[in-house]
Amino acid sequence: MSASYRIDGMTCQGCARSVTKAIQAVAPAAEVDVDVEAGVVTVTGPADGAQVRGAVEDAGFDFVGPV
């Protein structure tokens, strides 16, 4: 299963690493792909959308919603 989410506030690869680390903390078996320019994160594998949202927001980014 794969889901993509719009995330605001990512400006660099450091942001991408922070978002990836935060999501993998709540969904360790998931693969995370971050497109900083598009502001989109794609999570492939077992991951709960609510947990992804919480992880992204706890990392300091704005979770806009599914793409």
N, C-alpha and C. Protein backbone atom coordinates (compact mmCIF):
# COMPACT_ATOMS: atom_id res chain seq x y z
N MET A 1 0.84 -1.19 0.00
CA MET A 1 0.00 0.00 0.00
C MET A 1 0.88 1.24 0.00
N SER A 2 0.44 2.24 -0.72
CA SER A 2 1.19 3.47 -0.84
C SER A 2 0.24 4.66 -0.66
N ALA A 3 0.72 5.69 0.03
CA ALA A 3 -0.06 6.91 0.22
C ALA A 3 0.86 8.11 0.12
N SER A 4 0.36 9.17 -0.52
CA SER A 4 1.15 10.40 -0.66
C SER A 4 0.47 11.53 0.10
N TYR A 5 1.30 12.36 0.71
CA TYR A 5 0.79 13.45 1.53
C TYR A 5 1.49 14.75 1.18
N ARG A 6 0.76 15.85 1.21
CA ARG A 6 1.33 17.17 0.99
C ARG A 6 1.83 17.69 2.33
N ILE A 7 3.10 18.11 2.34
CA ILE A 7 3.74 18.63 3.54
C ILE A 7 4.30 20.01 3.24
N ASP A 8 3.92 20.99 4.02
CA ASP A 8 4.47 22.34 3.85
C ASP A 8 5.61 22.57 4.83
N GLY A 9 6.57 23.40 4.41
CA GLY A 9 7.66 23.77 5.29
C GLY A 9 8.98 23.09 4.99
N MET A 10 8.97 22.15 4.05
CA MET A 10 10.23 21.48 3.69
C MET A 10 10.96 22.35 2.66
N THR A 11 12.22 22.66 2.95
CA THR A 11 12.97 23.54 2.04
C THR A 11 14.30 22.96 1.57
N CYS A 12 14.72 21.84 2.18
CA CYS A 12 16.05 21.32 1.84
C CYS A 12 16.12 19.81 2.11
N GLN A 13 17.26 19.22 1.80
CA GLN A 13 17.44 17.79 2.04
C GLN A 13 17.51 17.48 3.54
N GLY A 14 17.91 18.44 4.33
CA GLY A 14 17.88 18.25 5.78
C GLY A 14 16.45 18.08 6.27
N CYS A 15 15.54 18.87 5.69
CA CYS A 15 14.12 18.73 6.02
C CYS A 15 13.62 17.35 5.61
N ALA A 16 14.04 16.91 4.43
CA ALA A 16 13.63 15.59 3.93
C ALA A 16 14.10 14.50 4.88
N ARG A 17 15.32 14.61 5.38
CA ARG A 17 15.84 13.62 6.32
C ARG A 17 15.04 13.65 7.63
N SER A 18 14.70 14.83 8.09
CA SER A 18 13.93 14.96 9.33
C SER A 18 12.56 14.32 9.20
N VAL A 19 11.89 14.58 8.08
CA VAL A 19 10.56 14.01 7.84
C VAL A 19 10.66 12.50 7.71
N THR A 20 11.65 12.03 6.98
CA THR A 20 11.84 10.58 6.80
C THR A 20 12.07 9.91 8.16
N LYS A 21 12.94 10.46 8.95
CA LYS A 21 13.26 9.89 10.27
C LYS A 21 12.02 9.86 11.16
N ALA A 22 11.24 10.94 11.13
CA ALA A 22 10.04 11.03 11.96
C ALA A 22 9.01 9.97 11.55
N ILE A 23 8.81 9.81 10.25
CA ILE A 23 7.83 8.82 9.78
C ILE A 23 8.32 7.41 10.07
N GLN A 24 9.58 7.15 9.85
CA GLN A 24 10.11 5.80 10.10
C GLN A 24 10.10 5.45 11.59
N ALA A 25 10.06 6.45 12.45
CA ALA A 25 9.97 6.18 13.88
C ALA A 25 8.61 5.58 14.24
N VAL A 26 7.55 5.98 13.52
CA VAL A 26 6.21 5.45 13.81
C VAL A 26 5.82 4.31 12.86
N ALA A 27 6.54 4.18 11.75
CA ALA A 27 6.28 3.12 10.77
C ALA A 27 7.60 2.57 10.27
N PRO A 28 8.31 1.82 11.10
CA PRO A 28 9.67 1.38 10.76
C PRO A 28 9.76 0.49 9.53
N ALA A 29 8.69 -0.19 9.16
CA ALA A 29 8.73 -1.08 7.99
C ALA A 29 8.38 -0.35 6.69
N ALA A 30 8.01 0.91 6.79
CA ALA A 30 7.59 1.67 5.61
C ALA A 30 8.79 2.27 4.87
N GLU A 31 8.63 2.41 3.57
CA GLU A 31 9.61 3.11 2.75
C GLU A 31 9.09 4.53 2.56
N VAL A 32 9.96 5.51 2.77
CA VAL A 32 9.56 6.91 2.68
C VAL A 32 10.33 7.59 1.56
N ASP A 33 9.58 8.24 0.66
CA ASP A 33 10.19 8.98 -0.44
C ASP A 33 9.73 10.43 -0.34
N VAL A 34 10.68 11.35 -0.25
CA VAL A 34 10.36 12.77 -0.07
C VAL A 34 10.75 13.54 -1.32
N ASP A 35 9.80 14.30 -1.86
CA ASP A 35 10.06 15.22 -2.96
C ASP A 35 9.95 16.63 -2.39
N VAL A 36 11.10 17.22 -2.04
CA VAL A 36 11.12 18.52 -1.38
C VAL A 36 10.51 19.59 -2.28
N GLU A 37 10.87 19.61 -3.55
CA GLU A 37 10.37 20.63 -4.46
C GLU A 37 8.85 20.60 -4.60
N ALA A 38 8.27 19.42 -4.66
CA ALA A 38 6.82 19.28 -4.79
C ALA A 38 6.12 19.38 -3.43
N GLY A 39 6.88 19.21 -2.35
CA GLY A 39 6.27 19.21 -1.02
C GLY A 39 5.42 17.99 -0.77
N VAL A 40 5.87 16.85 -1.31
CA VAL A 40 5.09 15.61 -1.21
C VAL A 40 5.95 14.50 -0.60
N VAL A 41 5.33 13.75 0.29
CA VAL A 41 5.94 12.58 0.89
C VAL A 41 5.10 11.37 0.50
N THR A 42 5.76 10.34 -0.02
CA THR A 42 5.07 9.10 -0.35
C THR A 42 5.56 8.02 0.61
N VAL A 43 4.60 7.37 1.26
CA VAL A 43 4.90 6.33 2.23
C VAL A 43 4.38 5.01 1.66
N THR A 44 5.28 4.06 1.48
CA THR A 44 4.92 2.75 0.94
C THR A 44 5.13 1.71 2.01
N GLY A 45 4.09 0.93 2.25
CA GLY A 45 4.16 -0.10 3.27
C GLY A 45 3.20 0.19 4.40
N PRO A 46 3.32 -0.56 5.47
CA PRO A 46 2.39 -0.40 6.59
C PRO A 46 2.62 0.91 7.35
N ALA A 47 1.66 1.81 7.23
CA ALA A 47 1.74 3.09 7.94
C ALA A 47 0.34 3.64 8.12
N ASP A 48 0.03 4.06 9.32
CA ASP A 48 -1.26 4.65 9.64
C ASP A 48 -1.19 6.15 9.35
N GLY A 49 -2.15 6.65 8.58
CA GLY A 49 -2.16 8.06 8.20
C GLY A 49 -2.15 9.02 9.38
N ALA A 50 -2.86 8.66 10.43
CA ALA A 50 -2.90 9.52 11.61
C ALA A 50 -1.53 9.55 12.30
N GLN A 51 -0.85 8.42 12.32
CA GLN A 51 0.49 8.39 12.92
C GLN A 51 1.48 9.17 12.07
N VAL A 52 1.34 9.07 10.75
CA VAL A 52 2.21 9.84 9.85
C VAL A 52 2.00 11.32 10.09
N ARG A 53 0.74 11.73 10.16
CA ARG A 53 0.43 13.14 10.41
C ARG A 53 1.06 13.62 11.72
N GLY A 54 0.89 12.85 12.79
CA GLY A 54 1.45 13.23 14.07
C GLY A 54 2.96 13.33 14.04
N ALA A 55 3.60 12.39 13.37
CA ALA A 55 5.06 12.39 13.28
C ALA A 55 5.56 13.61 12.52
N VAL A 56 4.90 13.93 11.41
CA VAL A 56 5.30 15.08 10.60
C VAL A 56 5.13 16.38 11.39
N GLU A 57 4.00 16.51 12.07
CA GLU A 57 3.74 17.72 12.85
C GLU A 57 4.69 17.83 14.04
N ASP A 58 4.99 16.69 14.69
CA ASP A 58 5.94 16.70 15.81
C ASP A 58 7.34 17.10 15.35
N ALA A 59 7.65 16.82 14.07
CA ALA A 59 8.95 17.19 13.52
C ALA A 59 8.99 18.67 13.11
N GLY A 60 7.86 19.35 13.22
CA GLY A 60 7.84 20.80 12.97
C GLY A 60 7.37 21.21 11.58
N PHE A 61 6.73 20.30 10.86
CA PHE A 61 6.25 20.60 9.52
C PHE A 61 4.73 20.59 9.49
N ASP A 62 4.17 21.24 8.48
CA ASP A 62 2.71 21.32 8.35
C ASP A 62 2.21 20.20 7.46
N PHE A 63 1.40 19.32 8.03
CA PHE A 63 0.78 18.23 7.30
C PHE A 63 -0.49 18.78 6.66
N VAL A 64 -0.51 18.89 5.34
CA VAL A 64 -1.67 19.47 4.65
C VAL A 64 -2.74 18.40 4.43
N GLY A 65 -2.33 17.23 3.98
CA GLY A 65 -3.28 16.14 3.76
C GLY A 65 -2.88 15.26 2.60
N PRO A 66 -3.74 14.27 2.30
CA PRO A 66 -3.45 13.36 1.20
C PRO A 66 -3.41 14.08 -0.13
N VAL A 67 -2.59 13.54 -1.03
CA VAL A 67 -2.50 14.11 -2.39
C VAL A 67 -3.43 13.33 -3.27
